[in-house]
PDB file of N, CA and C in Angstrom:
ATOM      1  N   MET A   1      -4.610   3.571 -38.607  1.00  0.00           N
ATOM      2  CA  MET A   1      -3.876   2.517 -37.935  1.00  0.00           C
ATOM      3  C   MET A   1      -3.025   3.134 -36.827  1.00  0.00           C
ATOM      4  N   LEU A   2      -3.150   2.564 -35.643  1.00  0.00           N
ATOM      5  CA  LEU A   2      -2.414   3.044 -34.489  1.00  0.00           C
ATOM      6  C   LEU A   2      -1.212   2.128 -34.247  1.00  0.00           C
ATOM      7  N   VAL A   3      -0.042   2.734 -34.140  1.00  0.00           N
ATOM      8  CA  VAL A   3       1.182   1.965 -33.886  1.00  0.00           C
ATOM      9  C   VAL A   3       1.704   2.348 -32.514  1.00  0.00           C
ATOM     10  N   LYS A   4       2.011   1.341 -31.726  1.00  0.00           N
ATOM     11  CA  LYS A   4       2.563   1.574 -30.399  1.00  0.00           C
ATOM     12  C   LYS A   4       4.043   1.237 -30.400  1.00  0.00           C
ATOM     13  N   LEU A   5       4.828   2.118 -29.845  1.00  0.00           N
ATOM     14  CA  LEU A   5       6.254   1.889 -29.707  1.00  0.00           C
ATOM     15  C   LEU A   5       6.541   1.647 -28.230  1.00  0.00           C
ATOM     16  N   VAL A   6       7.118   0.502 -27.917  1.00  0.00           N
ATOM     17  CA  VAL A   6       7.445   0.165 -26.542  1.00  0.00           C
ATOM     18  C   VAL A   6       8.960   0.229 -26.400  1.00  0.00           C
ATOM     19  N   VAL A   7       9.399   0.979 -25.403  1.00  0.00           N
ATOM     20  CA  VAL A   7      10.824   1.165 -25.186  1.00  0.00           C
ATOM     21  C   VAL A   7      11.164   0.727 -23.770  1.00  0.00           C
ATOM     22  N   GLN A   8      12.187  -0.077 -23.627  1.00  0.00           N
ATOM     23  CA  GLN A   8      12.653  -0.477 -22.314  1.00  0.00           C
ATOM     24  C   GLN A   8      13.773   0.472 -21.912  1.00  0.00           C
ATOM     25  N   VAL A   9      13.647   1.036 -20.713  1.00  0.00           N
ATOM     26  CA  VAL A   9      14.666   1.969 -20.235  1.00  0.00           C
ATOM     27  C   VAL A   9      15.223   1.474 -18.910  1.00  0.00           C
ATOM     28  N   LYS A  10      16.443   1.811 -18.654  1.00  0.00           N
ATOM     29  CA  LYS A  10      17.080   1.465 -17.390  1.00  0.00           C
ATOM     30  C   LYS A  10      17.438   2.772 -16.697  1.00  0.00           C
ATOM     31  N   PRO A  11      16.809   3.026 -15.544  1.00  0.00           N
ATOM     32  CA  PRO A  11      17.127   4.264 -14.840  1.00  0.00           C
ATOM     33  C   PRO A  11      18.577   4.248 -14.347  1.00  0.00           C
ATOM     34  N   LEU A  12      19.254   5.321 -14.542  1.00  0.00           N
ATOM     35  CA  LEU A  12      20.634   5.465 -14.076  1.00  0.00           C
ATOM     36  C   LEU A  12      20.722   6.714 -13.200  1.00  0.00           C
ATOM     37  N   PRO A  13      20.266   6.598 -11.949  1.00  0.00           N
ATOM     38  CA  PRO A  13      20.281   7.773 -11.081  1.00  0.00           C
ATOM     39  C   PRO A  13      21.702   8.145 -10.658  1.00  0.00           C
ATOM     40  N   THR A  14      21.868   9.405 -10.391  1.00  0.00           N
ATOM     41  CA  THR A  14      23.140   9.863  -9.829  1.00  0.00           C
ATOM     42  C   THR A  14      23.216   9.323  -8.398  1.00  0.00           C
ATOM     43  N   PRO A  15      24.378   9.351  -7.782  1.00  0.00           N
ATOM     44  CA  PRO A  15      24.472   8.883  -6.391  1.00  0.00           C
ATOM     45  C   PRO A  15      23.509   9.618  -5.442  1.00  0.00           C
ATOM     46  N   VAL A  16      23.321  10.900  -5.656  1.00  0.00           N
ATOM     47  CA  VAL A  16      22.406  11.678  -4.813  1.00  0.00           C
ATOM     48  C   VAL A  16      20.964  11.209  -5.042  1.00  0.00           C
ATOM     49  N   GLN A  17      20.596  11.014  -6.315  1.00  0.00           N
ATOM     50  CA  GLN A  17      19.251  10.540  -6.630  1.00  0.00           C
ATOM     51  C   GLN A  17      19.019   9.129  -6.087  1.00  0.00           C
ATOM     52  N   ALA A  18      20.033   8.273  -6.205  1.00  0.00           N
ATOM     53  CA  ALA A  18      19.916   6.902  -5.709  1.00  0.00           C
ATOM     54  C   ALA A  18      19.702   6.895  -4.197  1.00  0.00           C
ATOM     55  N   ALA A  19      20.411   7.750  -3.487  1.00  0.00           N
ATOM     56  CA  ALA A  19      20.244   7.839  -2.033  1.00  0.00           C
ATOM     57  C   ALA A  19      18.840   8.323  -1.675  1.00  0.00           C
ATOM     58  N   ALA A  20      18.341   9.290  -2.434  1.00  0.00           N
ATOM     59  CA  ALA A  20      16.995   9.806  -2.180  1.00  0.00           C
ATOM     60  C   ALA A  20      15.940   8.730  -2.464  1.00  0.00           C
ATOM     61  N   LEU A  21      16.120   7.975  -3.535  1.00  0.00           N
ATOM     62  CA  LEU A  21      15.185   6.889  -3.858  1.00  0.00           C
ATOM     63  C   LEU A  21      15.201   5.816  -2.770  1.00  0.00           C
ATOM     64  N   GLU A  22      16.383   5.463  -2.314  1.00  0.00           N
ATOM     65  CA  GLU A  22      16.499   4.450  -1.267  1.00  0.00           C
ATOM     66  C   GLU A  22      15.834   4.923   0.023  1.00  0.00           C
ATOM     67  N   ALA A  23      16.045   6.172   0.386  1.00  0.00           N
ATOM     68  CA  ALA A  23      15.428   6.716   1.600  1.00  0.00           C
ATOM     69  C   ALA A  23      13.903   6.718   1.481  1.00  0.00           C
ATOM     70  N   THR A  24      13.399   7.051   0.311  1.00  0.00           N
ATOM     71  CA  THR A  24      11.953   7.061   0.097  1.00  0.00           C
ATOM     72  C   THR A  24      11.383   5.655   0.184  1.00  0.00           C
ATOM     73  N   LEU A  25      12.063   4.684  -0.418  1.00  0.00           N
ATOM     74  CA  LEU A  25      11.588   3.304  -0.359  1.00  0.00           C
ATOM     75  C   LEU A  25      11.602   2.772   1.071  1.00  0.00           C
ATOM     76  N   ARG A  26      12.632   3.109   1.808  1.00  0.00           N
ATOM     77  CA  ARG A  26      12.687   2.681   3.218  1.00  0.00           C
ATOM     78  C   ARG A  26      11.538   3.295   4.015  1.00  0.00           C
ATOM     79  N   ALA A  27      11.269   4.576   3.784  1.00  0.00           N
ATOM     80  CA  ALA A  27      10.161   5.250   4.474  1.00  0.00           C
ATOM     81  C   ALA A  27       8.827   4.606   4.102  1.00  0.00           C
ATOM     82  N   CYS A  28       8.649   4.302   2.833  1.00  0.00           N
ATOM     83  CA  CYS A  28       7.409   3.659   2.385  1.00  0.00           C
ATOM     84  C   CYS A  28       7.230   2.290   3.031  1.00  0.00           C
ATOM     85  N   ASN A  29       8.293   1.517   3.101  1.00  0.00           N
ATOM     86  CA  ASN A  29       8.211   0.190   3.726  1.00  0.00           C
ATOM     87  C   ASN A  29       7.905   0.290   5.223  1.00  0.00           C
ATOM     88  N   GLU A  30       8.555   1.218   5.909  1.00  0.00           N
ATOM     89  CA  GLU A  30       8.284   1.402   7.328  1.00  0.00           C
ATOM     90  C   GLU A  30       6.840   1.827   7.546  1.00  0.00           C
ATOM     91  N   ALA A  31       6.362   2.741   6.710  1.00  0.00           N
ATOM     92  CA  ALA A  31       4.980   3.211   6.827  1.00  0.00           C
ATOM     93  C   ALA A  31       3.997   2.075   6.567  1.00  0.00           C
ATOM     94  N   ALA A  32       4.265   1.252   5.565  1.00  0.00           N
ATOM     95  CA  ALA A  32       3.380   0.128   5.259  1.00  0.00           C
ATOM     96  C   ALA A  32       3.338  -0.865   6.420  1.00  0.00           C
ATOM     97  N   ASP A  33       4.480  -1.131   7.037  1.00  0.00           N
ATOM     98  CA  ASP A  33       4.521  -2.015   8.208  1.00  0.00           C
ATOM     99  C   ASP A  33       3.676  -1.443   9.346  1.00  0.00           C
ATOM    100  N   TRP A  34       3.816  -0.149   9.586  1.00  0.00           N
ATOM    101  CA  TRP A  34       3.071   0.493  10.657  1.00  0.00           C
ATOM    102  C   TRP A  34       1.573   0.465  10.378  1.00  0.00           C
ATOM    103  N   VAL A  35       1.178   0.760   9.137  1.00  0.00           N
ATOM    104  CA  VAL A  35      -0.246   0.730   8.767  1.00  0.00           C
ATOM    105  C   VAL A  35      -0.812  -0.665   9.010  1.00  0.00           C
ATOM    106  N   SER A  36      -0.058  -1.690   8.653  1.00  0.00           N
ATOM    107  CA  SER A  36      -0.506  -3.057   8.866  1.00  0.00           C
ATOM    108  C   SER A  36      -0.687  -3.344  10.354  1.00  0.00           C
ATOM    109  N   GLU A  37       0.255  -2.916  11.176  1.00  0.00           N
ATOM    110  CA  GLU A  37       0.150  -3.116  12.625  1.00  0.00           C
ATOM    111  C   GLU A  37      -1.098  -2.434  13.186  1.00  0.00           C
ATOM    112  N   VAL A  38      -1.322  -1.207  12.769  1.00  0.00           N
ATOM    113  CA  VAL A  38      -2.494  -0.462  13.240  1.00  0.00           C
ATOM    114  C   VAL A  38      -3.772  -1.181  12.830  1.00  0.00           C
ATOM    115  N   ALA A  39      -3.830  -1.627  11.593  1.00  0.00           N
ATOM    116  CA  ALA A  39      -5.031  -2.298  11.091  1.00  0.00           C
ATOM    117  C   ALA A  39      -5.341  -3.546  11.915  1.00  0.00           C
ATOM    118  N   PHE A  40      -4.330  -4.347  12.204  1.00  0.00           N
ATOM    119  CA  PHE A  40      -4.571  -5.574  12.959  1.00  0.00           C
ATOM    120  C   PHE A  40      -4.839  -5.305  14.433  1.00  0.00           C
ATOM    121  N   GLU A  41      -4.205  -4.283  15.002  1.00  0.00           N
ATOM    122  CA  GLU A  41      -4.447  -3.959  16.407  1.00  0.00           C
ATOM    123  C   GLU A  41      -5.872  -3.491  16.647  1.00  0.00           C
ATOM    124  N   CYS A  42      -6.373  -2.649  15.750  1.00  0.00           N
ATOM    125  CA  CYS A  42      -7.720  -2.099  15.956  1.00  0.00           C
ATOM    126  C   CYS A  42      -8.789  -2.880  15.192  1.00  0.00           C
ATOM    127  N   GLY A  43      -8.380  -3.827  14.345  1.00  0.00           N
ATOM    128  CA  GLY A  43      -9.347  -4.627  13.593  1.00  0.00           C
ATOM    129  C   GLY A  43     -10.063  -3.848  12.509  1.00  0.00           C
ATOM    130  N   GLU A  44      -9.477  -2.773  12.054  1.00  0.00           N
ATOM    131  CA  GLU A  44     -10.094  -1.915  11.033  1.00  0.00           C
ATOM    132  C   GLU A  44      -9.443  -2.163   9.684  1.00  0.00           C
ATOM    133  N   PHE A  45     -10.198  -2.754   8.760  1.00  0.00           N
ATOM    134  CA  PHE A  45      -9.645  -3.049   7.442  1.00  0.00           C
ATOM    135  C   PHE A  45     -10.424  -2.377   6.321  1.00  0.00           C
ATOM    136  N   LYS A  46     -11.484  -1.676   6.670  1.00  0.00           N
ATOM    137  CA  LYS A  46     -12.244  -0.974   5.635  1.00  0.00           C
ATOM    138  C   LYS A  46     -11.478   0.273   5.233  1.00  0.00           C
ATOM    139  N   ASN A  47     -11.609   0.600   3.962  1.00  0.00           N
ATOM    140  CA  ASN A  47     -10.876   1.707   3.366  1.00  0.00           C
ATOM    141  C   ASN A  47     -10.978   3.001   4.165  1.00  0.00           C
ATOM    142  N   THR A  48     -12.184   3.486   4.374  1.00  0.00           N
ATOM    143  CA  THR A  48     -12.338   4.802   5.000  1.00  0.00           C
ATOM    144  C   THR A  48     -11.947   4.782   6.472  1.00  0.00           C
ATOM    145  N   GLY A  49     -12.296   3.722   7.188  1.00  0.00           N
ATOM    146  CA  GLY A  49     -11.955   3.657   8.602  1.00  0.00           C
ATOM    147  C   GLY A  49     -10.460   3.613   8.842  1.00  0.00           C
ATOM    148  N   LEU A  50      -9.769   2.802   8.056  1.00  0.00           N
ATOM    149  CA  LEU A  50      -8.316   2.701   8.204  1.00  0.00           C
ATOM    150  C   LEU A  50      -7.637   3.999   7.785  1.00  0.00           C
ATOM    151  N   ARG A  51      -8.146   4.599   6.740  1.00  0.00           N
ATOM    152  CA  ARG A  51      -7.563   5.874   6.283  1.00  0.00           C
ATOM    153  C   ARG A  51      -7.670   6.935   7.367  1.00  0.00           C
ATOM    154  N   ARG A  52      -8.821   7.007   8.037  1.00  0.00           N
ATOM    155  CA  ARG A  52      -8.983   8.000   9.107  1.00  0.00           C
ATOM    156  C   ARG A  52      -7.954   7.801  10.221  1.00  0.00           C
ATOM    157  N   ARG A  53      -7.619   6.553  10.488  1.00  0.00           N
ATOM    158  CA  ARG A  53      -6.687   6.248  11.579  1.00  0.00           C
ATOM    159  C   ARG A  53      -5.229   6.529  11.218  1.00  0.00           C
ATOM    160  N   VAL A  54      -4.829   6.357   9.956  1.00  0.00           N
ATOM    161  CA  VAL A  54      -3.400   6.368   9.629  1.00  0.00           C
ATOM    162  C   VAL A  54      -2.939   7.516   8.736  1.00  0.00           C
ATOM    163  N   TYR A  55      -3.837   8.135   8.012  1.00  0.00           N
ATOM    164  CA  TYR A  55      -3.451   9.095   6.973  1.00  0.00           C
ATOM    165  C   TYR A  55      -2.531  10.211   7.484  1.00  0.00           C
ATOM    166  N   GLY A  56      -2.975  10.935   8.489  1.00  0.00           N
ATOM    167  CA  GLY A  56      -2.194  12.074   8.986  1.00  0.00           C
ATOM    168  C   GLY A  56      -0.854  11.662   9.564  1.00  0.00           C
ATOM    169  N   GLU A  57      -0.849  10.553  10.290  1.00  0.00           N
ATOM    170  CA  GLU A  57       0.391  10.069  10.911  1.00  0.00           C
ATOM    171  C   GLU A  57       1.431   9.682   9.859  1.00  0.00           C
ATOM    172  N   VAL A  58       0.998   8.999   8.806  1.00  0.00           N
ATOM    173  CA  VAL A  58       1.947   8.589   7.762  1.00  0.00           C
ATOM    174  C   VAL A  58       2.523   9.812   7.066  1.00  0.00           C
ATOM    175  N   LYS A  59       1.676  10.803   6.813  1.00  0.00           N
ATOM    176  CA  LYS A  59       2.170  12.027   6.165  1.00  0.00           C
ATOM    177  C   LYS A  59       3.172  12.756   7.044  1.00  0.00           C
ATOM    178  N   SER A  60       2.849  12.903   8.319  1.00  0.00           N
ATOM    179  CA  SER A  60       3.731  13.690   9.189  1.00  0.00           C
ATOM    180  C   SER A  60       4.952  12.906   9.664  1.00  0.00           C
ATOM    181  N   ARG A  61       4.777  11.652  10.012  1.00  0.00           N
ATOM    182  CA  ARG A  61       5.870  10.868  10.593  1.00  0.00           C
ATOM    183  C   ARG A  61       6.945  10.492   9.582  1.00  0.00           C
ATOM    184  N   TRP A  62       6.532  10.149   8.351  1.00  0.00           N
ATOM    185  CA  TRP A  62       7.506   9.713   7.346  1.00  0.00           C
ATOM    186  C   TRP A  62       7.729  10.742   6.252  1.00  0.00           C
ATOM    187  N   GLY A  63       7.007  11.851   6.283  1.00  0.00           N
ATOM    188  CA  GLY A  63       7.198  12.899   5.294  1.00  0.00           C
ATOM    189  C   GLY A  63       6.833  12.480   3.881  1.00  0.00           C
ATOM    190  N   LEU A  64       5.893  11.556   3.777  1.00  0.00           N
ATOM    191  CA  LEU A  64       5.491  11.072   2.456  1.00  0.00           C
ATOM    192  C   LEU A  64       4.371  11.929   1.896  1.00  0.00           C
ATOM    193  N   GLY A  65       4.256  11.940   0.585  1.00  0.00           N
ATOM    194  CA  GLY A  65       3.227  12.718  -0.084  1.00  0.00           C
ATOM    195  C   GLY A  65       1.833  12.188   0.204  1.00  0.00           C
ATOM    196  N   ALA A  66       0.848  12.919  -0.219  1.00  0.00           N
ATOM    197  CA  ALA A  66      -0.540  12.595   0.090  1.00  0.00           C
ATOM    198  C   ALA A  66      -0.985  11.255  -0.485  1.00  0.00           C
ATOM    199  N   ARG A  67      -0.448  10.843  -1.599  1.00  0.00           N
ATOM    200  CA  ARG A  67      -0.887   9.600  -2.238  1.00  0.00           C
ATOM    201  C   ARG A  67      -0.333   8.362  -1.531  1.00  0.00           C
ATOM    202  N   SER A  68       0.830   8.463  -0.965  1.00  0.00           N
ATOM    203  CA  SER A  68       1.475   7.310  -0.351  1.00  0.00           C
ATOM    204  C   SER A  68       0.679   6.697   0.805  1.00  0.00           C
ATOM    205  N   PRO A  69       0.169   7.486   1.753  1.00  0.00           N
ATOM    206  CA  PRO A  69      -0.613   6.879   2.838  1.00  0.00           C
ATOM    207  C   PRO A  69      -1.837   6.133   2.322  1.00  0.00           C
ATOM    208  N   ALA A  70      -2.477   6.668   1.320  1.00  0.00           N
ATOM    209  CA  ALA A  70      -3.649   5.997   0.756  1.00  0.00           C
ATOM    210  C   ALA A  70      -3.258   4.656   0.145  1.00  0.00           C
ATOM    211  N   ARG A  71      -2.118   4.593  -0.511  1.00  0.00           N
ATOM    212  CA  ARG A  71      -1.651   3.332  -1.100  1.00  0.00           C
ATOM    213  C   ARG A  71      -1.344   2.306  -0.018  1.00  0.00           C
ATOM    214  N   HIS A  72      -0.722   2.731   1.073  1.00  0.00           N
ATOM    215  CA  HIS A  72      -0.375   1.789   2.136  1.00  0.00           C
ATOM    216  C   HIS A  72      -1.618   1.158   2.735  1.00  0.00           C
ATOM    217  N   GLN A  73      -2.602   1.976   3.058  1.00  0.00           N
ATOM    218  CA  GLN A  73      -3.790   1.406   3.679  1.00  0.00           C
ATOM    219  C   GLN A  73      -4.555   0.541   2.694  1.00  0.00           C
ATOM    220  N   GLU A  74      -4.538   0.874   1.419  1.00  0.00           N
ATOM    221  CA  GLU A  74      -5.210   0.044   0.406  1.00  0.00           C
ATOM    222  C   GLU A  74      -4.495  -1.305   0.256  1.00  0.00           C
ATOM    223  N   ASP A  75      -3.178  -1.292   0.273  1.00  0.00           N
ATOM    224  CA  ASP A  75      -2.423  -2.550   0.177  1.00  0.00           C
ATOM    225  C   ASP A  75      -2.709  -3.448   1.377  1.00  0.00           C
ATOM    226  N   VAL A  76      -2.767  -2.869   2.569  1.00  0.00           N
ATOM    227  CA  VAL A  76      -3.067  -3.647   3.768  1.00  0.00           C
ATOM    228  C   VAL A  76      -4.464  -4.258   3.654  1.00  0.00           C
ATOM    229  N   ARG A  77      -5.425  -3.472   3.183  1.00  0.00           N
ATOM    230  CA  ARG A  77      -6.791  -3.976   3.022  1.00  0.00           C
ATOM    231  C   ARG A  77      -6.833  -5.143   2.051  1.00  0.00           C
ATOM    232  N   ARG A  78      -6.151  -5.015   0.929  1.00  0.00           N
ATOM    233  CA  ARG A  78      -6.141  -6.091  -0.073  1.00  0.00           C
ATOM    234  C   ARG A  78      -5.524  -7.374   0.484  1.00  0.00           C
ATOM    235  N   VAL A  79      -4.400  -7.241   1.150  1.00  0.00           N
ATOM    236  CA  VAL A  79      -3.733  -8.421   1.707  1.00  0.00           C
ATOM    237  C   VAL A  79      -4.635  -9.084   2.740  1.00  0.00           C
ATOM    238  N   HIS A  80      -5.232  -8.273   3.592  1.00  0.00           N
ATOM    239  CA  HIS A  80      -6.121  -8.820   4.617  1.00  0.00           C
ATOM    240  C   HIS A  80      -7.259  -9.607   3.979  1.00  0.00           C
ATOM    241  N   HIS A  81      -7.889  -9.039   2.976  1.00  0.00           N
ATOM    242  CA  HIS A  81      -9.018  -9.712   2.336  1.00  0.00           C
ATOM    243  C   HIS A  81      -8.574 -10.941   1.548  1.00  0.00           C
ATOM    244  N   ALA A  82      -7.389 -10.914   1.005  1.00  0.00           N
ATOM    245  CA  ALA A  82      -6.906 -12.073   0.244  1.00  0.00           C
ATOM    246  C   ALA A  82      -6.540 -13.234   1.173  1.00  0.00           C
ATOM    247  N   GLU A  83      -6.029 -12.919   2.355  1.00  0.00           N
ATOM    248  CA  GLU A  83      -5.587 -13.959   3.289  1.00  0.00           C
ATOM    249  C   GLU A  83      -6.683 -14.399   4.247  1.00  0.00           C
ATOM    250  N   GLY A  84      -7.747 -13.641   4.354  1.00  0.00           N
ATOM    251  CA  GLY A  84      -8.825 -14.000   5.270  1.00  0.00           C
ATOM    252  C   GLY A  84      -8.768 -13.189   6.543  1.00  0.00           C
ATOM    253  N   GLU A  85      -9.687 -13.476   7.418  1.00  0.00           N
ATOM    254  CA  GLU A  85      -9.793 -12.761   8.690  1.00  0.00           C
ATOM    255  C   GLU A  85      -8.624 -13.133   9.602  1.00  0.00           C
ATOM    256  N   PRO A  86      -8.274 -12.266  10.562  1.00  0.00           N
ATOM    257  CA  PRO A  86      -7.190 -12.586  11.490  1.00  0.00           C
ATOM    258  C   PRO A  86      -7.408 -13.891  12.251  1.00  0.00           C
ATOM    259  N   GLU A  87      -8.672 -14.265  12.517  1.00  0.00           N
ATOM    260  CA  GLU A  87      -8.939 -15.509  13.241  1.00  0.00           C
ATOM    261  C   GLU A  87      -8.755 -16.721  12.343  1.00  0.00           C
ATOM    262  N   GLY A  88      -8.461 -16.536  11.074  1.00  0.00           N
ATOM    263  CA  GLY A  88      -8.240 -17.649  10.172  1.00  0.00           C
ATOM    264  C   GLY A  88      -9.393 -17.933   9.234  1.00  0.00           C
ATOM    265  N   ARG A  89     -10.497 -17.207   9.390  1.00  0.00           N
ATOM    266  CA  ARG A  89     -11.625 -17.418   8.483  1.00  0.00           C
ATOM    267  C   ARG A  89     -11.271 -16.874   7.110  1.00  0.00           C
ATOM    268  N   LYS A  90     -11.693 -17.589   6.083  1.00  0.00           N
ATOM    269  CA  LYS A  90     -11.443 -17.137   4.719  1.00  0.00           C
ATOM    270  C   LYS A  90     -12.557 -16.207   4.272  1.00  0.00           C
ATOM    271  N   PRO A  91     -12.254 -15.234   3.372  1.00  0.00           N
ATOM    272  CA  PRO A  91     -13.302 -14.338   2.904  1.00  0.00           C
ATOM    273  C   PRO A  91     -14.349 -15.109   2.105  1.00  0.00           C
ATOM    274  N   GLY A  92     -15.590 -14.690   2.236  1.00  0.00           N
ATOM    275  CA  GLY A  92     -16.683 -15.329   1.505  1.00  0.00           C
ATOM    276  C   GLY A  92     -16.671 -14.957   0.043  1.00  0.00           C
ATOM    277  N   PRO A  93     -17.530 -15.607  -0.764  1.00  0.00           N
ATOM    278  CA  PRO A  93     -17.559 -15.354  -2.210  1.00  0.00           C
ATOM    279  C   PRO A  93     -17.853 -13.905  -2.558  1.00  0.00           C
ATOM    280  N   ALA A  94     -18.729 -13.243  -1.795  1.00  0.00           N
ATOM    281  CA  ALA A  94     -19.054 -11.852  -2.110  1.00  0.00           C
ATOM    282  C   ALA A  94     -17.826 -10.962  -1.970  1.00  0.00           C
ATOM    283  N   ARG A  95     -17.006 -11.212  -0.956  1.00  0.00           N
ATOM    284  CA  ARG A  95     -15.796 -10.417  -0.766  1.00  0.00           C
ATOM    285  C   ARG A  95     -14.785 -10.693  -1.875  1.00  0.00           C
ATOM    286  N   LEU A  96     -14.662 -11.951  -2.268  1.00  0.00           N
ATOM    287  CA  LEU A  96     -13.698 -12.287  -3.319  1.00  0.00           C
ATOM    288  C   LEU A  96     -14.084 -11.652  -4.653  1.00  0.00           C
ATOM    289  N   GLU A  97     -15.380 -11.603  -4.934  1.00  0.00           N
ATOM    290  CA  GLU A  97     -15.833 -11.006  -6.189  1.00  0.00           C
ATOM    291  C   GLU A  97     -15.546  -9.516  -6.231  1.00  0.00           C
ATOM    292  N   ALA A  98     -15.500  -8.857  -5.078  1.00  0.00           N
ATOM    293  CA  ALA A  98     -15.264  -7.424  -5.029  1.00  0.00           C
ATOM    294  C   ALA A  98     -13.811  -7.061  -5.289  1.00  0.00           C
ATOM    295  N   LEU A  99     -12.906  -8.014  -5.141  1.00  0.00           N
ATOM    296  CA  LEU A  99     -11.490  -7.755  -5.385  1.00  0.00           C
ATOM    297  C   LEU A  99     -11.168  -7.903  -6.857  1.00  0.00           C
ATOM    298  N   PRO A 100     -10.209  -7.132  -7.365  1.00  0.00           N
ATOM    299  CA  PRO A 100      -9.800  -7.289  -8.762  1.00  0.00           C
ATOM    300  C   PRO A 100      -9.249  -8.701  -8.987  1.00  0.00           C
ATOM    301  N   PRO A 101      -9.350  -9.214 -10.215  1.00  0.00           N
ATOM    302  CA  PRO A 101      -8.846 -10.560 -10.512  1.00  0.00           C
ATOM    303  C   PRO A 101      -7.367 -10.691 -10.139  1.00  0.00           C
ATOM    304  N   GLY A 102      -7.027 -11.843  -9.583  1.00  0.00           N
ATOM    305  CA  GLY A 102      -5.628 -12.110  -9.241  1.00  0.00           C
ATOM    306  C   GLY A 102      -5.209 -11.558  -7.909  1.00  0.00           C
ATOM    307  N   GLU A 103      -6.138 -10.970  -7.159  1.00  0.00           N
ATOM    308  CA  GLU A 103      -5.740 -10.403  -5.863  1.00  0.00           C
ATOM    309  C   GLU A 103      -6.464 -11.103  -4.754  1.00  0.00           C
TER     310      GLU A 103
END
């Protein structure tokens, strides 16, 4: 028999840690905004194409780790596909089936 213990924790960062977390979140938000702008300007929403355009810039410009740029471009792709094409067309059934449920 497997028993799972679930514990709720509340992070209590020191003032220095809190400042670092806030700075990181601000950098992530700025990077995500920029990735979205690039995607819509060039019309590139596919995973690999968008990654080629933004990956290096996000790493160097915002000093974020390697995983963060990939997350930003993936989030932009998901939002784009969920909301439809920039011209207002909605994604077809094949595109919707490719997205995880609820997205």
